[in-house]
Amino acid sequence: MGYMTDRKRANGMGSAKTGTARHWSMTISSVALLFLVPAFIFTFGSILGASHDEVIAYYAQPFPAIVAGLTIAVAFMHFKNGVQTMLEDYVHGLAREILIITMICISYAAAATGLFALARIAL
């Protein structure tokens, strides 16, 4: 029979003190995507099916390039935070750490690749 207090039993299982910041980050990126995704669909849809030269000329303009860049950056950061939260909740042990690091690297690599491709087109 143990005489441990509730606080002592919960020691090491408590708050990481980042839940509110992560929640606000996800909320802000969700609201940003609420506006960016329709804007991206509108700008991308108007050029869909055009020739390569027309697409290059279209994305050389500032508005479509900025909308596409913001959508890529915000979407992949939202993806990274969501996958990290999911992995923290459902995976345990060393696999958790490996998967979190892997997914963060994949998210940043995909965002960088998309932004690099957009910069090559726009500049």
C-alpha atoms as a PDB file:
ATOM      1  CA  MET A   1       0.000   0.000   0.000  1.00  0.00           C
ATOM      2  CA  GLY A   2       1.517   3.264  -1.126  1.00  0.00           C
ATOM      3  CA  TYR A   3       1.089   6.565   0.598  1.00  0.00           C
ATOM      4  CA  MET A   4       1.704   8.716  -2.426  1.00  0.00           C
ATOM      5  CA  THR A   5      -0.170  11.924  -2.985  1.00  0.00           C
ATOM      6  CA  ASP A   6      -2.012  12.553  -6.224  1.00  0.00           C
ATOM      7  CA  ARG A   7       0.603  15.094  -7.166  1.00  0.00           C
ATOM      8  CA  LYS A   8       3.434  12.618  -6.619  1.00  0.00           C
ATOM      9  CA  ARG A   9       1.700   9.957  -8.777  1.00  0.00           C
ATOM     10  CA  ALA A  10       1.251  12.512 -11.567  1.00  0.00           C
ATOM     11  CA  ASN A  11       4.843  13.751 -11.393  1.00  0.00           C
ATOM     12  CA  GLY A  12       6.396  13.484 -14.845  1.00  0.00           C
ATOM     13  CA  MET A  13       3.014  13.124 -16.531  1.00  0.00           C
ATOM     14  CA  GLY A  14       1.927  16.719 -16.203  1.00  0.00           C
ATOM     15  CA  SER A  15       1.633  19.602 -18.553  1.00  0.00           C
ATOM     16  CA  ALA A  16       4.506  20.425 -20.847  1.00  0.00           C
ATOM     17  CA  LYS A  17       3.379  24.077 -20.633  1.00  0.00           C
ATOM     18  CA  THR A  18       3.074  24.371 -24.426  1.00  0.00           C
ATOM     19  CA  GLY A  19      -0.508  23.211 -24.979  1.00  0.00           C
ATOM     20  CA  THR A  20      -2.015  26.689 -25.210  1.00  0.00           C
ATOM     21  CA  ALA A  21       0.659  27.970 -27.583  1.00  0.00           C
ATOM     22  CA  ARG A  22       0.297  24.917 -29.821  1.00  0.00           C
ATOM     23  CA  HIS A  23      -3.490  25.245 -29.795  1.00  0.00           C
ATOM     24  CA  TRP A  24      -3.299  28.897 -30.823  1.00  0.00           C
ATOM     25  CA  SER A  25      -0.754  28.066 -33.517  1.00  0.00           C
ATOM     26  CA  MET A  26      -3.098  25.459 -35.001  1.00  0.00           C
ATOM     27  CA  THR A  27      -6.084  27.813 -34.703  1.00  0.00           C
ATOM     28  CA  ILE A  28      -4.282  30.682 -36.426  1.00  0.00           C
ATOM     29  CA  SER A  29      -2.978  28.472 -39.230  1.00  0.00           C
ATOM     30  CA  SER A  30      -6.476  26.999 -39.674  1.00  0.00           C
ATOM     31  CA  VAL A  31      -7.993  30.450 -40.057  1.00  0.00           C
ATOM     32  CA  ALA A  32      -5.215  31.475 -42.436  1.00  0.00           C
ATOM     33  CA  LEU A  33      -5.833  28.363 -44.532  1.00  0.00           C
ATOM     34  CA  LEU A  34      -9.550  29.154 -44.514  1.00  0.00           C
ATOM     35  CA  PHE A  35      -8.716  32.204 -46.642  1.00  0.00           C
ATOM     36  CA  LEU A  36      -5.604  30.976 -48.451  1.00  0.00           C
ATOM     37  CA  VAL A  37      -6.956  27.721 -49.877  1.00  0.00           C
ATOM     38  CA  PRO A  38      -9.903  29.345 -51.738  1.00  0.00           C
ATOM     39  CA  ALA A  39      -7.574  32.103 -52.963  1.00  0.00           C
ATOM     40  CA  PHE A  40      -5.099  29.468 -54.154  1.00  0.00           C
ATOM     41  CA  ILE A  41      -7.849  27.467 -55.868  1.00  0.00           C
ATOM     42  CA  PHE A  42      -9.091  30.650 -57.543  1.00  0.00           C
ATOM     43  CA  THR A  43      -5.626  31.635 -58.800  1.00  0.00           C
ATOM     44  CA  PHE A  44      -4.575  28.096 -59.720  1.00  0.00           C
ATOM     45  CA  GLY A  45      -7.909  27.221 -61.333  1.00  0.00           C
ATOM     46  CA  SER A  46      -7.759  30.128 -63.725  1.00  0.00           C
ATOM     47  CA  ILE A  47      -4.468  28.897 -65.206  1.00  0.00           C
ATOM     48  CA  LEU A  48      -5.255  25.173 -65.092  1.00  0.00           C
ATOM     49  CA  GLY A  49      -4.840  23.568 -68.511  1.00  0.00           C
ATOM     50  CA  ALA A  50      -2.746  26.403 -69.947  1.00  0.00           C
ATOM     51  CA  SER A  51       0.557  25.897 -71.688  1.00  0.00           C
ATOM     52  CA  HIS A  52       3.861  25.852 -69.815  1.00  0.00           C
ATOM     53  CA  ASP A  53       4.824  29.338 -71.015  1.00  0.00           C
ATOM     54  CA  GLU A  54       1.481  30.805 -69.909  1.00  0.00           C
ATOM     55  CA  VAL A  55       1.825  29.252 -66.461  1.00  0.00           C
ATOM     56  CA  ILE A  56       5.359  30.611 -66.085  1.00  0.00           C
ATOM     57  CA  ALA A  57       4.194  34.085 -67.122  1.00  0.00           C
ATOM     58  CA  TYR A  58       1.186  33.894 -64.790  1.00  0.00           C
ATOM     59  CA  TYR A  59       3.201  32.905 -61.723  1.00  0.00           C
ATOM     60  CA  ALA A  60       5.777  35.582 -62.530  1.00  0.00           C
ATOM     61  CA  GLN A  61       3.088  38.056 -61.401  1.00  0.00           C
ATOM     62  CA  PRO A  62       3.234  38.961 -57.700  1.00  0.00           C
ATOM     63  CA  PHE A  63      -0.306  38.078 -56.528  1.00  0.00           C
ATOM     64  CA  PRO A  64      -0.501  34.431 -57.652  1.00  0.00           C
ATOM     65  CA  ALA A  65       3.077  33.781 -56.526  1.00  0.00           C
ATOM     66  CA  ILE A  66       2.475  35.274 -53.073  1.00  0.00           C
ATOM     67  CA  VAL A  67      -0.783  33.366 -52.623  1.00  0.00           C
ATOM     68  CA  ALA A  68       0.876  30.098 -53.668  1.00  0.00           C
ATOM     69  CA  GLY A  69       3.903  30.724 -51.428  1.00  0.00           C
ATOM     70  CA  LEU A  70       1.813  31.566 -48.386  1.00  0.00           C
ATOM     71  CA  THR A  71      -0.413  28.548 -48.979  1.00  0.00           C
ATOM     72  CA  ILE A  72       2.592  26.222 -49.224  1.00  0.00           C
ATOM     73  CA  ALA A  73       4.265  27.645 -46.105  1.00  0.00           C
ATOM     74  CA  VAL A  74       1.170  27.747 -43.889  1.00  0.00           C
ATOM     75  CA  ALA A  75      -0.177  24.376 -45.064  1.00  0.00           C
ATOM     76  CA  PHE A  76       3.049  22.501 -44.370  1.00  0.00           C
ATOM     77  CA  MET A  77       3.530  24.125 -40.966  1.00  0.00           C
ATOM     78  CA  HIS A  78      -0.083  23.232 -40.092  1.00  0.00           C
ATOM     79  CA  PHE A  79       0.586  19.682 -41.301  1.00  0.00           C
ATOM     80  CA  LYS A  80       3.769  19.458 -39.216  1.00  0.00           C
ATOM     81  CA  ASN A  81       2.027  20.588 -36.035  1.00  0.00           C
ATOM     82  CA  GLY A  82      -0.941  18.289 -36.575  1.00  0.00           C
ATOM     83  CA  VAL A  83       1.163  15.201 -37.291  1.00  0.00           C
ATOM     84  CA  GLN A  84       3.423  15.962 -34.331  1.00  0.00           C
ATOM     85  CA  THR A  85       0.414  16.198 -32.007  1.00  0.00           C
ATOM     86  CA  MET A  86      -1.024  12.965 -33.389  1.00  0.00           C
ATOM     87  CA  LEU A  87       2.278  11.118 -32.943  1.00  0.00           C
ATOM     88  CA  GLU A  88       2.680  12.427 -29.389  1.00  0.00           C
ATOM     89  CA  ASP A  89      -0.789  11.146 -28.526  1.00  0.00           C
ATOM     90  CA  TYR A  90      -0.711   7.706 -30.157  1.00  0.00           C
ATOM     91  CA  VAL A  91       2.899   6.503 -30.463  1.00  0.00           C
ATOM     92  CA  HIS A  92       5.140   5.704 -27.492  1.00  0.00           C
ATOM     93  CA  GLY A  93       8.785   4.985 -26.814  1.00  0.00           C
ATOM     94  CA  LEU A  94      11.700   5.449 -29.166  1.00  0.00           C
ATOM     95  CA  ALA A  95       9.472   5.090 -32.235  1.00  0.00           C
ATOM     96  CA  ARG A  96       7.687   8.275 -31.168  1.00  0.00           C
ATOM     97  CA  GLU A  97      10.869  10.339 -31.194  1.00  0.00           C
ATOM     98  CA  ILE A  98      12.065   8.861 -34.478  1.00  0.00           C
ATOM     99  CA  LEU A  99       8.716   9.441 -36.191  1.00  0.00           C
ATOM    100  CA  ILE A 100       8.407  13.008 -34.883  1.00  0.00           C
ATOM    101  CA  ILE A 101      11.889  13.917 -36.123  1.00  0.00           C
ATOM    102  CA  THR A 102      11.232  12.202 -39.455  1.00  0.00           C
ATOM    103  CA  MET A 103       7.920  13.967 -40.019  1.00  0.00           C
ATOM    104  CA  ILE A 104       9.342  17.358 -39.069  1.00  0.00           C
ATOM    105  CA  CYS A 105      12.197  16.849 -41.546  1.00  0.00           C
ATOM    106  CA  ILE A 106       9.783  15.718 -44.271  1.00  0.00           C
ATOM    107  CA  SER A 107       7.503  18.706 -43.646  1.00  0.00           C
ATOM    108  CA  TYR A 108      10.316  21.225 -43.827  1.00  0.00           C
ATOM    109  CA  ALA A 109      11.822  19.528 -46.887  1.00  0.00           C
ATOM    110  CA  ALA A 110       8.482  19.519 -48.734  1.00  0.00           C
ATOM    111  CA  ALA A 111       7.826  23.173 -47.862  1.00  0.00           C
ATOM    112  CA  ALA A 112      11.330  24.173 -48.948  1.00  0.00           C
ATOM    113  CA  THR A 113      10.980  22.226 -52.201  1.00  0.00           C
ATOM    114  CA  GLY A 114       7.647  23.863 -52.995  1.00  0.00           C
ATOM    115  CA  LEU A 115       8.908  27.353 -52.182  1.00  0.00           C
ATOM    116  CA  PHE A 116      12.103  26.780 -54.180  1.00  0.00           C
ATOM    117  CA  ALA A 117      10.099  25.620 -57.208  1.00  0.00           C
ATOM    118  CA  LEU A 118       7.816  28.634 -56.884  1.00  0.00           C
ATOM    119  CA  ALA A 119      10.802  30.975 -56.592  1.00  0.00           C
ATOM    120  CA  ARG A 120      12.350  29.447 -59.729  1.00  0.00           C
ATOM    121  CA  ILE A 121       9.097  30.050 -61.607  1.00  0.00           C
ATOM    122  CA  ALA A 122       8.428  33.531 -60.230  1.00  0.00           C
ATOM    123  CA  LEU A 123      11.935  34.951 -60.588  1.00  0.00           C
END
